[in-house]
C-alpha cells in the first residue's frame, strides 16, 4: 500500500536521494522549511517504511571491482526447497548486488560485481556446487551507461 506524501515530503525525499549525508539544516533550507518539521517528516517516513535506511554509494571501479556480470539463470526446479537453498546461496554471496525472479524464458537475473573474470569463475563454480541450475549465461557489461538509485518522485 502506498503512503500518502505531500509536496514537502517529496522534496525532502528528493534531497535525501541526492545526498543522504547532507545536514538537516541544508535539507530544510533546500526544501523551504525549518529543521524541526523536516526532522519530524523524515522520522514519520522512516516509521512508515518509505525510508528504509541510510547508506553510502561506493565507486566499485575505484575499489578494484572492475567487472560487472549479468547472470541469467534457468532452472528446471521450482519447488520450495530448491528456492530456499537458492535464496540462501545468493544471500551468502556479497558479489551479488541484485537478484530478480523473472517472468518468461529466464527464471532469474543476477547483477554480480567482481574484480575480474577469474573472480567471476570462482563465484560461478561456488554457486553451481551449491544449487542445481539448468542453464547459466553470463553477460559482461562493457560499459555502465546509467545507474541510479533515485526514484522519480
N, C-alpha and C. Protein backbone atom coordinates (compact mmCIF):
# COMPACT_ATOMS: atom_id res chain seq x y z
N UNK A 1 0.84 -1.18 0.00
CA UNK A 1 0.00 0.00 0.00
C UNK A 1 0.88 1.24 0.00
N UNK A 2 0.62 2.15 -0.88
CA UNK A 2 1.40 3.38 -0.98
C UNK A 2 1.06 4.33 0.16
N UNK A 3 2.09 5.02 0.64
CA UNK A 3 1.92 6.01 1.70
C UNK A 3 1.62 7.35 1.05
N UNK A 4 0.73 8.12 1.65
CA UNK A 4 0.42 9.45 1.10
C UNK A 4 1.53 10.42 1.44
N UNK A 5 2.03 11.05 0.41
CA UNK A 5 3.09 12.04 0.56
C UNK A 5 2.64 13.35 -0.05
N UNK A 6 2.99 14.46 0.60
CA UNK A 6 2.68 15.75 0.00
C UNK A 6 3.93 16.29 -0.69
N UNK A 7 3.83 17.49 -1.24
CA UNK A 7 4.95 18.07 -1.99
C UNK A 7 6.20 18.24 -1.13
N UNK A 8 6.03 18.64 0.13
CA UNK A 8 7.19 18.82 1.01
C UNK A 8 7.86 17.48 1.28
N UNK A 9 7.07 16.44 1.52
CA UNK A 9 7.65 15.11 1.72
C UNK A 9 8.48 14.70 0.49
N UNK A 10 7.94 14.95 -0.69
CA UNK A 10 8.64 14.57 -1.93
C UNK A 10 9.93 15.38 -2.10
N UNK A 11 9.89 16.64 -1.74
CA UNK A 11 11.11 17.46 -1.82
C UNK A 11 12.16 16.94 -0.84
N UNK A 12 11.74 16.59 0.36
CA UNK A 12 12.67 16.03 1.36
C UNK A 12 13.27 14.73 0.84
N UNK A 13 12.42 13.86 0.32
CA UNK A 13 12.92 12.59 -0.22
C UNK A 13 13.88 12.81 -1.39
N UNK A 14 13.58 13.80 -2.21
CA UNK A 14 14.47 14.13 -3.32
C UNK A 14 15.84 14.55 -2.82
N UNK A 15 15.86 15.37 -1.79
CA UNK A 15 17.13 15.80 -1.20
C UNK A 15 17.89 14.62 -0.60
N UNK A 16 17.18 13.75 0.11
CA UNK A 16 17.83 12.59 0.72
C UNK A 16 18.37 11.63 -0.32
N UNK A 17 17.64 11.46 -1.44
CA UNK A 17 18.12 10.59 -2.50
C UNK A 17 19.36 11.15 -3.18
N UNK A 18 19.40 12.47 -3.33
CA UNK A 18 20.53 13.11 -3.98
C UNK A 18 21.78 13.05 -3.12
N UNK A 19 21.63 13.33 -1.82
CA UNK A 19 22.76 13.30 -0.90
C UNK A 19 22.25 13.06 0.51
N UNK A 20 22.23 11.81 0.92
CA UNK A 20 21.75 11.43 2.24
C UNK A 20 22.66 11.89 3.37
N UNK A 21 23.84 12.35 3.05
CA UNK A 21 24.78 12.77 4.07
C UNK A 21 24.71 14.26 4.40
N UNK A 22 23.85 15.00 3.71
CA UNK A 22 23.78 16.44 3.98
C UNK A 22 23.09 16.69 5.34
N UNK A 23 23.38 17.82 5.91
CA UNK A 23 22.84 18.14 7.23
C UNK A 23 21.35 18.43 7.17
N UNK A 24 20.71 18.30 8.30
CA UNK A 24 19.28 18.60 8.41
C UNK A 24 19.03 20.07 8.08
N UNK A 25 19.94 20.93 8.49
CA UNK A 25 19.83 22.36 8.15
C UNK A 25 19.83 22.58 6.65
N UNK A 26 20.73 21.89 5.94
CA UNK A 26 20.82 22.04 4.49
C UNK A 26 19.56 21.53 3.80
N UNK A 27 19.04 20.40 4.29
CA UNK A 27 17.81 19.85 3.69
C UNK A 27 16.67 20.83 3.90
N UNK A 28 16.52 21.33 5.13
CA UNK A 28 15.44 22.26 5.44
C UNK A 28 15.52 23.51 4.56
N UNK A 29 16.73 24.02 4.40
CA UNK A 29 16.93 25.21 3.57
C UNK A 29 16.56 24.92 2.11
N UNK A 30 16.96 23.76 1.60
CA UNK A 30 16.68 23.40 0.21
C UNK A 30 15.20 23.23 -0.07
N UNK A 31 14.46 22.75 0.92
CA UNK A 31 13.03 22.48 0.69
C UNK A 31 12.14 23.62 1.16
N UNK A 32 12.74 24.67 1.73
CA UNK A 32 11.97 25.84 2.15
C UNK A 32 11.19 25.63 3.43
N UNK A 33 11.80 24.95 4.38
CA UNK A 33 11.14 24.70 5.65
C UNK A 33 12.16 24.89 6.77
N UNK A 34 11.74 24.61 8.00
CA UNK A 34 12.68 24.67 9.11
C UNK A 34 13.04 23.26 9.56
N UNK A 35 14.06 23.19 10.40
CA UNK A 35 14.66 21.91 10.77
C UNK A 35 13.69 20.95 11.48
N UNK A 36 12.93 21.43 12.44
CA UNK A 36 12.07 20.54 13.23
C UNK A 36 10.99 19.86 12.38
N UNK A 37 10.23 20.61 11.56
CA UNK A 37 9.24 19.91 10.72
C UNK A 37 9.86 18.92 9.75
N UNK A 38 11.04 19.25 9.23
CA UNK A 38 11.72 18.34 8.30
C UNK A 38 12.12 17.06 9.04
N UNK A 39 12.68 17.21 10.23
CA UNK A 39 13.07 16.04 11.03
C UNK A 39 11.85 15.18 11.36
N UNK A 40 10.74 15.81 11.73
CA UNK A 40 9.53 15.06 12.06
C UNK A 40 9.02 14.27 10.85
N UNK A 41 9.07 14.89 9.68
CA UNK A 41 8.62 14.21 8.47
C UNK A 41 9.54 13.04 8.12
N UNK A 42 10.84 13.25 8.25
CA UNK A 42 11.79 12.16 7.99
C UNK A 42 11.52 11.01 8.95
N UNK A 43 11.33 11.30 10.22
CA UNK A 43 11.05 10.27 11.22
C UNK A 43 9.78 9.50 10.86
N UNK A 44 8.72 10.23 10.49
CA UNK A 44 7.45 9.58 10.13
C UNK A 44 7.61 8.71 8.88
N UNK A 45 8.39 9.18 7.91
CA UNK A 45 8.60 8.38 6.69
C UNK A 45 9.44 7.14 6.99
N UNK A 46 10.35 7.23 7.95
CA UNK A 46 11.09 6.03 8.37
C UNK A 46 10.14 5.04 9.03
N UNK A 47 9.32 5.53 9.94
CA UNK A 47 8.37 4.67 10.65
C UNK A 47 7.39 4.01 9.68
N UNK A 48 7.01 4.72 8.62
CA UNK A 48 6.08 4.19 7.64
C UNK A 48 6.75 3.24 6.64
N UNK A 49 8.07 3.16 6.68
CA UNK A 49 8.80 2.28 5.77
C UNK A 49 9.11 2.90 4.42
N UNK A 50 8.81 4.18 4.25
CA UNK A 50 9.15 4.87 3.00
C UNK A 50 10.67 5.00 2.88
N UNK A 51 11.32 5.34 3.98
CA UNK A 51 12.78 5.41 4.03
C UNK A 51 13.24 4.13 4.72
N UNK A 52 13.97 3.30 3.98
CA UNK A 52 14.42 2.03 4.54
C UNK A 52 15.61 2.23 5.47
N UNK A 53 16.67 2.77 4.93
CA UNK A 53 17.88 3.02 5.73
C UNK A 53 18.79 3.98 4.97
N UNK A 54 19.73 4.52 5.69
CA UNK A 54 20.69 5.44 5.08
C UNK A 54 21.95 4.66 4.77
N UNK A 55 22.49 4.91 3.59
CA UNK A 55 23.70 4.21 3.18
C UNK A 55 24.55 5.13 2.31
N UNK A 56 25.73 4.69 1.97
CA UNK A 56 26.61 5.45 1.08
C UNK A 56 26.89 4.62 -0.15
N UNK A 57 26.92 5.25 -1.32
CA UNK A 57 27.24 4.59 -2.56
C UNK A 57 28.75 4.66 -2.78
N UNK A 58 29.36 3.52 -3.03
CA UNK A 58 30.80 3.46 -3.25
C UNK A 58 31.09 3.28 -4.73
N UNK A 59 32.24 3.73 -5.16
CA UNK A 59 32.67 3.58 -6.55
C UNK A 59 33.35 2.22 -6.69
N UNK A 60 32.65 1.28 -7.35
CA UNK A 60 33.15 -0.09 -7.47
C UNK A 60 34.50 -0.14 -8.17
N UNK A 61 34.64 0.59 -9.26
CA UNK A 61 35.91 0.55 -10.01
C UNK A 61 37.06 1.13 -9.19
N UNK A 62 36.80 2.19 -8.44
CA UNK A 62 37.85 2.78 -7.61
C UNK A 62 38.32 1.79 -6.54
N UNK A 63 37.45 0.86 -6.18
CA UNK A 63 37.79 -0.15 -5.17
C UNK A 63 38.28 -1.46 -5.78
N UNK A 64 38.47 -1.46 -7.11
CA UNK A 64 39.03 -2.63 -7.78
C UNK A 64 38.02 -3.64 -8.29
N UNK A 65 36.73 -3.36 -8.20
CA UNK A 65 35.71 -4.25 -8.73
C UNK A 65 35.38 -3.82 -10.16
N UNK A 66 36.21 -4.25 -11.09
CA UNK A 66 36.14 -3.76 -12.45
C UNK A 66 35.17 -4.51 -13.35
N UNK A 67 34.72 -5.69 -12.92
CA UNK A 67 33.86 -6.50 -13.78
C UNK A 67 32.44 -6.59 -13.22
N UNK A 68 31.48 -6.30 -14.08
CA UNK A 68 30.06 -6.42 -13.72
C UNK A 68 29.42 -7.40 -14.69
N UNK A 69 28.89 -8.48 -14.15
CA UNK A 69 28.24 -9.50 -14.96
C UNK A 69 26.75 -9.52 -14.67
N UNK A 70 25.97 -9.72 -15.72
CA UNK A 70 24.55 -10.00 -15.55
C UNK A 70 24.41 -11.49 -15.84
N UNK A 71 23.92 -12.21 -14.86
CA UNK A 71 23.87 -13.67 -14.92
C UNK A 71 22.42 -14.10 -15.08
N UNK A 72 22.14 -14.77 -16.20
CA UNK A 72 20.81 -15.26 -16.50
C UNK A 72 20.74 -16.73 -16.11
N UNK A 73 19.78 -17.08 -15.28
CA UNK A 73 19.68 -18.44 -14.76
C UNK A 73 18.34 -19.05 -15.15
N UNK A 74 18.43 -20.25 -15.70
CA UNK A 74 17.24 -21.06 -15.94
C UNK A 74 17.34 -22.29 -15.04
N UNK A 75 16.22 -22.66 -14.47
CA UNK A 75 16.20 -23.84 -13.64
C UNK A 75 15.03 -24.72 -14.04
N UNK A 76 15.20 -26.01 -13.85
CA UNK A 76 14.09 -26.93 -14.10
C UNK A 76 13.40 -27.27 -12.79
N UNK A 77 13.90 -26.70 -11.71
CA UNK A 77 13.32 -26.98 -10.38
C UNK A 77 12.67 -25.70 -9.85
N UNK A 78 11.45 -25.85 -9.38
CA UNK A 78 10.71 -24.69 -8.90
C UNK A 78 10.07 -24.95 -7.54
N UNK A 79 10.45 -26.03 -6.90
CA UNK A 79 9.83 -26.34 -5.61
C UNK A 79 10.40 -25.45 -4.50
N UNK A 80 9.70 -25.41 -3.40
CA UNK A 80 10.05 -24.52 -2.29
C UNK A 80 11.43 -24.82 -1.71
N UNK A 81 11.80 -26.08 -1.62
CA UNK A 81 13.11 -26.45 -1.05
C UNK A 81 14.24 -25.92 -1.92
N UNK A 82 14.10 -26.06 -3.27
CA UNK A 82 15.14 -25.54 -4.17
C UNK A 82 15.22 -24.02 -4.05
N UNK A 83 14.08 -23.35 -4.06
CA UNK A 83 14.06 -21.90 -3.96
C UNK A 83 14.73 -21.43 -2.67
N UNK A 84 14.46 -22.12 -1.59
CA UNK A 84 15.05 -21.74 -0.30
C UNK A 84 16.57 -21.89 -0.34
N UNK A 85 17.06 -22.99 -0.92
CA UNK A 85 18.52 -23.16 -0.99
C UNK A 85 19.16 -22.16 -1.95
N UNK A 86 18.45 -21.83 -3.03
CA UNK A 86 18.95 -20.84 -3.98
C UNK A 86 19.04 -19.46 -3.32
N UNK A 87 17.99 -19.06 -2.63
CA UNK A 87 17.99 -17.76 -1.94
C UNK A 87 19.08 -17.71 -0.88
N UNK A 88 19.28 -18.80 -0.15
CA UNK A 88 20.33 -18.86 0.86
C UNK A 88 21.71 -18.69 0.21
N UNK A 89 21.90 -19.36 -0.94
CA UNK A 89 23.18 -19.25 -1.65
C UNK A 89 23.43 -17.82 -2.11
N UNK A 90 22.40 -17.15 -2.61
CA UNK A 90 22.56 -15.77 -3.09
C UNK A 90 22.83 -14.80 -1.94
N UNK A 91 22.07 -14.94 -0.87
CA UNK A 91 22.23 -14.02 0.26
C UNK A 91 23.60 -14.15 0.92
N UNK A 92 24.22 -15.31 0.78
CA UNK A 92 25.54 -15.52 1.36
C UNK A 92 26.69 -15.05 0.49
N UNK A 93 26.38 -14.49 -0.65
CA UNK A 93 27.43 -14.06 -1.58
C UNK A 93 27.38 -12.54 -1.78
N UNK A 94 28.36 -11.82 -1.23
CA UNK A 94 28.35 -10.36 -1.35
C UNK A 94 28.57 -9.87 -2.78
N UNK A 95 29.05 -10.73 -3.67
CA UNK A 95 29.23 -10.33 -5.07
C UNK A 95 27.90 -10.04 -5.75
N UNK A 96 26.83 -10.65 -5.26
CA UNK A 96 25.51 -10.48 -5.86
C UNK A 96 24.92 -9.17 -5.35
N UNK A 97 24.86 -8.18 -6.22
CA UNK A 97 24.31 -6.88 -5.84
C UNK A 97 22.81 -6.84 -5.99
N UNK A 98 22.28 -7.55 -6.98
CA UNK A 98 20.84 -7.61 -7.21
C UNK A 98 20.48 -9.00 -7.69
N UNK A 99 19.27 -9.42 -7.33
CA UNK A 99 18.74 -10.69 -7.82
C UNK A 99 17.25 -10.49 -8.04
N UNK A 100 16.77 -10.92 -9.21
CA UNK A 100 15.37 -10.76 -9.56
C UNK A 100 14.82 -12.08 -10.11
N UNK A 101 13.62 -12.44 -9.70
CA UNK A 101 12.90 -13.57 -10.29
C UNK A 101 12.07 -13.00 -11.43
N UNK A 102 12.14 -13.63 -12.58
CA UNK A 102 11.55 -13.07 -13.79
C UNK A 102 10.38 -13.89 -14.32
N UNK A 103 9.57 -13.25 -15.13
CA UNK A 103 8.57 -13.94 -15.92
C UNK A 103 9.19 -14.16 -17.29
N UNK A 104 8.88 -15.27 -17.93
CA UNK A 104 9.41 -15.53 -19.27
C UNK A 104 10.37 -16.70 -19.29
N UNK A 105 11.25 -16.72 -20.30
CA UNK A 105 12.15 -17.85 -20.51
C UNK A 105 13.27 -17.95 -19.47
N UNK A 106 13.67 -16.83 -18.94
CA UNK A 106 14.73 -16.80 -17.92
C UNK A 106 14.06 -16.74 -16.56
N UNK A 107 14.53 -17.56 -15.62
CA UNK A 107 13.92 -17.60 -14.29
C UNK A 107 14.45 -16.52 -13.36
N UNK A 108 15.76 -16.28 -13.41
CA UNK A 108 16.39 -15.31 -12.51
C UNK A 108 17.45 -14.52 -13.26
N UNK A 109 17.65 -13.29 -12.84
CA UNK A 109 18.78 -12.49 -13.33
C UNK A 109 19.50 -11.93 -12.10
N UNK A 110 20.82 -12.02 -12.13
CA UNK A 110 21.65 -11.52 -11.05
C UNK A 110 22.58 -10.43 -11.59
N UNK A 111 22.82 -9.44 -10.77
CA UNK A 111 23.88 -8.47 -11.07
C UNK A 111 25.02 -8.81 -10.13
N UNK A 112 26.15 -9.19 -10.71
CA UNK A 112 27.29 -9.67 -9.93
C UNK A 112 28.48 -8.76 -10.18
N UNK A 113 29.05 -8.21 -9.13
CA UNK A 113 30.19 -7.30 -9.24
C UNK A 113 31.41 -7.99 -8.64
N UNK A 114 32.45 -8.17 -9.45
CA UNK A 114 33.68 -8.84 -9.03
C UNK A 114 34.90 -8.09 -9.57
N UNK A 115 36.06 -8.48 -9.11
CA UNK A 115 37.29 -7.80 -9.53
C UNK A 115 37.65 -8.10 -10.99
N UNK A 116 37.41 -9.34 -11.43
CA UNK A 116 37.79 -9.72 -12.79
C UNK A 116 37.10 -11.03 -13.18
N UNK A 117 37.40 -11.53 -14.39
CA UNK A 117 36.76 -12.75 -14.89
C UNK A 117 37.10 -13.96 -14.03
N UNK A 118 38.31 -14.03 -13.54
CA UNK A 118 38.70 -15.16 -12.68
C UNK A 118 37.85 -15.17 -11.41
N UNK A 119 37.61 -14.00 -10.84
CA UNK A 119 36.76 -13.90 -9.64
C UNK A 119 35.33 -14.31 -9.97
N UNK A 120 34.86 -13.97 -11.17
CA UNK A 120 33.52 -14.42 -11.57
C UNK A 120 33.47 -15.93 -11.64
N UNK A 121 34.50 -16.54 -12.22
CA UNK A 121 34.52 -18.00 -12.34
C UNK A 121 34.49 -18.66 -10.96
N UNK A 122 35.20 -18.10 -10.01
CA UNK A 122 35.18 -18.62 -8.64
C UNK A 122 33.76 -18.53 -8.07
N UNK A 123 33.11 -17.39 -8.29
CA UNK A 123 31.72 -17.21 -7.85
C UNK A 123 30.82 -18.26 -8.52
N UNK A 124 30.95 -18.40 -9.83
CA UNK A 124 30.12 -19.31 -10.61
C UNK A 124 30.29 -20.76 -10.12
N UNK A 125 31.53 -21.19 -9.96
CA UNK A 125 31.80 -22.56 -9.51
C UNK A 125 31.19 -22.82 -8.13
N UNK A 126 31.31 -21.84 -7.25
CA UNK A 126 30.73 -21.99 -5.91
C UNK A 126 29.21 -22.07 -5.97
N UNK A 127 28.60 -21.24 -6.80
CA UNK A 127 27.14 -21.23 -6.91
C UNK A 127 26.62 -22.56 -7.45
N UNK A 128 27.19 -23.05 -8.54
CA UNK A 128 26.67 -24.29 -9.13
C UNK A 128 27.01 -25.52 -8.29
N UNK A 129 27.99 -25.40 -7.39
CA UNK A 129 28.26 -26.53 -6.50
C UNK A 129 27.25 -26.58 -5.35
N UNK A 130 26.60 -25.45 -5.12
CA UNK A 130 25.65 -25.36 -4.01
C UNK A 130 24.21 -25.59 -4.43
N UNK A 131 23.84 -25.11 -5.61
CA UNK A 131 22.47 -25.29 -6.10
C UNK A 131 22.49 -25.78 -7.54
N UNK A 132 21.52 -26.58 -7.87
CA UNK A 132 21.43 -27.15 -9.21
C UNK A 132 20.66 -26.18 -10.10
N UNK A 133 21.26 -25.85 -11.25
CA UNK A 133 20.60 -24.99 -12.23
C UNK A 133 20.67 -25.68 -13.60
N UNK A 134 19.70 -25.38 -14.43
CA UNK A 134 19.62 -26.00 -15.76
C UNK A 134 20.59 -25.32 -16.73
N UNK A 135 20.62 -23.97 -16.68
CA UNK A 135 21.44 -23.22 -17.63
C UNK A 135 21.83 -21.89 -17.02
N UNK A 136 23.10 -21.49 -17.23
CA UNK A 136 23.59 -20.20 -16.76
C UNK A 136 24.26 -19.50 -17.92
N UNK A 137 23.87 -18.25 -18.14
CA UNK A 137 24.50 -17.41 -19.16
C UNK A 137 25.01 -16.16 -18.46
N UNK A 138 26.27 -15.86 -18.64
CA UNK A 138 26.86 -14.66 -18.04
C UNK A 138 27.15 -13.64 -19.13
N UNK A 139 26.69 -12.43 -18.90
CA UNK A 139 26.92 -11.33 -19.83
C UNK A 139 27.79 -10.28 -19.14
N UNK A 140 28.94 -9.98 -19.73
CA UNK A 140 29.84 -8.98 -19.17
C UNK A 140 29.42 -7.60 -19.63
N UNK A 141 29.21 -6.71 -18.69
CA UNK A 141 28.89 -5.32 -19.03
C UNK A 141 30.17 -4.64 -19.51
N UNK A 142 30.14 -4.12 -20.71
CA UNK A 142 31.30 -3.44 -21.27
C UNK A 142 31.40 -2.00 -20.77
N UNK A 143 30.24 -1.39 -20.50
CA UNK A 143 30.20 -0.01 -20.04
C UNK A 143 28.90 0.23 -19.30
N UNK A 144 28.99 0.85 -18.15
CA UNK A 144 27.79 1.24 -17.42
C UNK A 144 27.36 2.60 -17.93
N UNK A 145 26.22 2.65 -18.57
CA UNK A 145 25.74 3.88 -19.17
C UNK A 145 24.94 4.69 -18.17
N UNK A 146 24.11 4.01 -17.40
CA UNK A 146 23.33 4.70 -16.37
C UNK A 146 23.10 3.75 -15.21
N UNK A 147 23.27 4.26 -14.03
CA UNK A 147 22.97 3.50 -12.82
C UNK A 147 22.54 4.51 -11.76
N UNK A 148 21.37 4.29 -11.21
CA UNK A 148 20.88 5.21 -10.20
C UNK A 148 20.03 4.46 -9.18
N UNK A 149 19.94 5.01 -8.01
CA UNK A 149 19.02 4.51 -7.00
C UNK A 149 17.89 5.49 -6.78
N UNK A 150 17.94 6.61 -7.52
CA UNK A 150 16.97 7.69 -7.33
C UNK A 150 15.64 7.34 -8.01
N UNK A 151 14.56 7.39 -7.23
CA UNK A 151 13.22 7.14 -7.76
C UNK A 151 12.63 8.42 -8.28
N UNK A 152 11.85 8.36 -9.35
CA UNK A 152 11.21 9.57 -9.91
C UNK A 152 9.99 9.98 -9.08
N UNK A 153 10.19 10.81 -8.12
CA UNK A 153 9.11 11.23 -7.23
C UNK A 153 8.25 12.30 -7.88
